[in-house]
Amino acid sequence: MSVETTVDDYILNILTYTGCALSIFGLSLTIVTYTIFKHLRKYKSKRILTHFCFALCGVYIAFLVGIAAHAPSNQSQCIAVSALLFDD
């Protein structure tokens, strides 16, 4: 593996973790806002948005757990993450 590949992988890992963290933060902020202010939950579409934000948070967290394994050496963790991400 060359030095350029190692540096590129490191930068991509930082971007991935940062992007997921910002997405989780934004989704959490949306969930908290819609939970605190009852008038925002007045319509069914807003409740669907809140549920969608919960689902996306779950997917992002499962994705982060999956990439934290770094390698499929731990087969049970790999299977658990793939089961969480799989939607039938």
C-alpha atoms as a PDB file:
ATOM      1  CA  MET A   1       0.000   0.000   0.000  1.00  0.00           C
ATOM      2  CA  SER A   2       1.446   3.347  -0.973  1.00  0.00           C
ATOM      3  CA  VAL A   3       1.618   6.435   1.192  1.00  0.00           C
ATOM      4  CA  GLU A   4      -0.882   8.244  -1.032  1.00  0.00           C
ATOM      5  CA  THR A   5      -3.462   5.504  -0.523  1.00  0.00           C
ATOM      6  CA  THR A   6      -2.992   5.631   3.247  1.00  0.00           C
ATOM      7  CA  VAL A   7      -3.401   9.411   3.310  1.00  0.00           C
ATOM      8  CA  ASP A   8      -6.433   9.230   1.024  1.00  0.00           C
ATOM      9  CA  ASP A   9      -8.040   6.562   3.204  1.00  0.00           C
ATOM     10  CA  TYR A  10      -7.404   8.656   6.304  1.00  0.00           C
ATOM     11  CA  ILE A  11      -8.988  11.739   4.725  1.00  0.00           C
ATOM     12  CA  LEU A  12     -11.977   9.745   3.495  1.00  0.00           C
ATOM     13  CA  ASN A  13     -12.474   8.276   6.977  1.00  0.00           C
ATOM     14  CA  ILE A  14     -12.461  11.751   8.503  1.00  0.00           C
ATOM     15  CA  LEU A  15     -14.974  12.987   5.928  1.00  0.00           C
ATOM     16  CA  THR A  16     -17.212   9.968   6.485  1.00  0.00           C
ATOM     17  CA  TYR A  17     -17.260  10.294  10.263  1.00  0.00           C
ATOM     18  CA  THR A  18     -17.722  14.064  10.086  1.00  0.00           C
ATOM     19  CA  GLY A  19     -20.553  13.831   7.565  1.00  0.00           C
ATOM     20  CA  CYS A  20     -22.374  11.149   9.545  1.00  0.00           C
ATOM     21  CA  ALA A  21     -21.917  13.073  12.794  1.00  0.00           C
ATOM     22  CA  LEU A  22     -23.311  16.249  11.247  1.00  0.00           C
ATOM     23  CA  SER A  23     -26.244  14.334   9.792  1.00  0.00           C
ATOM     24  CA  ILE A  24     -27.029  12.693  13.127  1.00  0.00           C
ATOM     25  CA  PHE A  25     -26.772  16.078  14.848  1.00  0.00           C
ATOM     26  CA  GLY A  26     -29.150  17.700  12.355  1.00  0.00           C
ATOM     27  CA  LEU A  27     -31.626  14.836  12.565  1.00  0.00           C
ATOM     28  CA  SER A  28     -31.493  14.912  16.360  1.00  0.00           C
ATOM     29  CA  LEU A  29     -32.099  18.647  16.316  1.00  0.00           C
ATOM     30  CA  THR A  30     -35.129  18.115  14.076  1.00  0.00           C
ATOM     31  CA  ILE A  31     -36.474  15.402  16.376  1.00  0.00           C
ATOM     32  CA  VAL A  32     -36.014  17.559  19.474  1.00  0.00           C
ATOM     33  CA  THR A  33     -37.631  20.577  17.815  1.00  0.00           C
ATOM     34  CA  TYR A  34     -40.681  18.640  16.684  1.00  0.00           C
ATOM     35  CA  THR A  35     -40.942  16.939  20.074  1.00  0.00           C
ATOM     36  CA  ILE A  36     -40.799  20.154  22.094  1.00  0.00           C
ATOM     37  CA  PHE A  37     -43.211  22.239  20.023  1.00  0.00           C
ATOM     38  CA  LYS A  38     -46.573  20.503  19.930  1.00  0.00           C
ATOM     39  CA  HIS A  39     -48.025  22.761  17.233  1.00  0.00           C
ATOM     40  CA  LEU A  40     -45.399  21.420  14.816  1.00  0.00           C
ATOM     41  CA  ARG A  41     -46.793  17.901  15.289  1.00  0.00           C
ATOM     42  CA  LYS A  42     -50.306  18.998  14.417  1.00  0.00           C
ATOM     43  CA  TYR A  43     -50.382  17.432  10.964  1.00  0.00           C
ATOM     44  CA  LYS A  44     -49.737  13.828  10.073  1.00  0.00           C
ATOM     45  CA  SER A  45     -47.006  14.769   7.600  1.00  0.00           C
ATOM     46  CA  LYS A  46     -44.953  16.309  10.408  1.00  0.00           C
ATOM     47  CA  ARG A  47     -45.245  13.151  12.504  1.00  0.00           C
ATOM     48  CA  ILE A  48     -44.109  11.148   9.490  1.00  0.00           C
ATOM     49  CA  LEU A  49     -41.102  13.472   9.207  1.00  0.00           C
ATOM     50  CA  THR A  50     -40.231  12.811  12.852  1.00  0.00           C
ATOM     51  CA  HIS A  51     -40.452   9.046  12.334  1.00  0.00           C
ATOM     52  CA  PHE A  52     -38.337   9.350   9.200  1.00  0.00           C
ATOM     53  CA  CYS A  53     -35.690  11.243  11.176  1.00  0.00           C
ATOM     54  CA  PHE A  54     -35.661   8.472  13.804  1.00  0.00           C
ATOM     55  CA  ALA A  55     -35.211   5.871  11.083  1.00  0.00           C
ATOM     56  CA  LEU A  56     -32.376   7.786   9.427  1.00  0.00           C
ATOM     57  CA  CYS A  57     -30.626   8.208  12.782  1.00  0.00           C
ATOM     58  CA  GLY A  58     -30.814   4.459  13.256  1.00  0.00           C
ATOM     59  CA  VAL A  59     -29.356   3.812   9.820  1.00  0.00           C
ATOM     60  CA  TYR A  60     -26.506   6.282  10.366  1.00  0.00           C
ATOM     61  CA  ILE A  61     -25.674   4.758  13.744  1.00  0.00           C
ATOM     62  CA  ALA A  62     -25.749   1.228  12.305  1.00  0.00           C
ATOM     63  CA  PHE A  63     -23.522   2.398   9.446  1.00  0.00           C
ATOM     64  CA  LEU A  64     -21.026   3.945  11.872  1.00  0.00           C
ATOM     65  CA  VAL A  65     -20.951   0.767  13.946  1.00  0.00           C
ATOM     66  CA  GLY A  66     -20.368  -1.196  10.760  1.00  0.00           C
ATOM     67  CA  ILE A  67     -17.448   0.878   9.553  1.00  0.00           C
ATOM     68  CA  ALA A  68     -15.947   1.006  13.038  1.00  0.00           C
ATOM     69  CA  ALA A  69     -15.241  -2.727  12.720  1.00  0.00           C
ATOM     70  CA  HIS A  70     -12.608  -1.878  10.013  1.00  0.00           C
ATOM     71  CA  ALA A  71     -12.528  -5.472   8.835  1.00  0.00           C
ATOM     72  CA  PRO A  72     -14.868  -8.441   8.767  1.00  0.00           C
ATOM     73  CA  SER A  73     -12.649 -10.297  11.270  1.00  0.00           C
ATOM     74  CA  ASN A  74     -15.493 -10.189  13.781  1.00  0.00           C
ATOM     75  CA  GLN A  75     -18.145 -12.138  11.885  1.00  0.00           C
ATOM     76  CA  SER A  76     -20.901 -11.746  14.489  1.00  0.00           C
ATOM     77  CA  GLN A  77     -20.573  -7.946  14.422  1.00  0.00           C
ATOM     78  CA  CYS A  78     -20.626  -7.969  10.631  1.00  0.00           C
ATOM     79  CA  ILE A  79     -23.782 -10.104  10.584  1.00  0.00           C
ATOM     80  CA  ALA A  80     -25.489  -7.905  13.199  1.00  0.00           C
ATOM     81  CA  VAL A  81     -24.805  -4.695  11.270  1.00  0.00           C
ATOM     82  CA  SER A  82     -25.918  -6.200   7.973  1.00  0.00           C
ATOM     83  CA  ALA A  83     -29.141  -7.383   9.627  1.00  0.00           C
ATOM     84  CA  LEU A  84     -29.774  -3.865  10.926  1.00  0.00           C
ATOM     85  CA  LEU A  85     -29.186  -2.304   7.519  1.00  0.00           C
ATOM     86  CA  PHE A  86     -31.190  -4.892   5.590  1.00  0.00           C
ATOM     87  CA  ASP A  87     -34.810  -3.970   4.981  1.00  0.00           C
ATOM     88  CA  ASP A  88     -37.105  -6.562   3.530  1.00  0.00           C
END
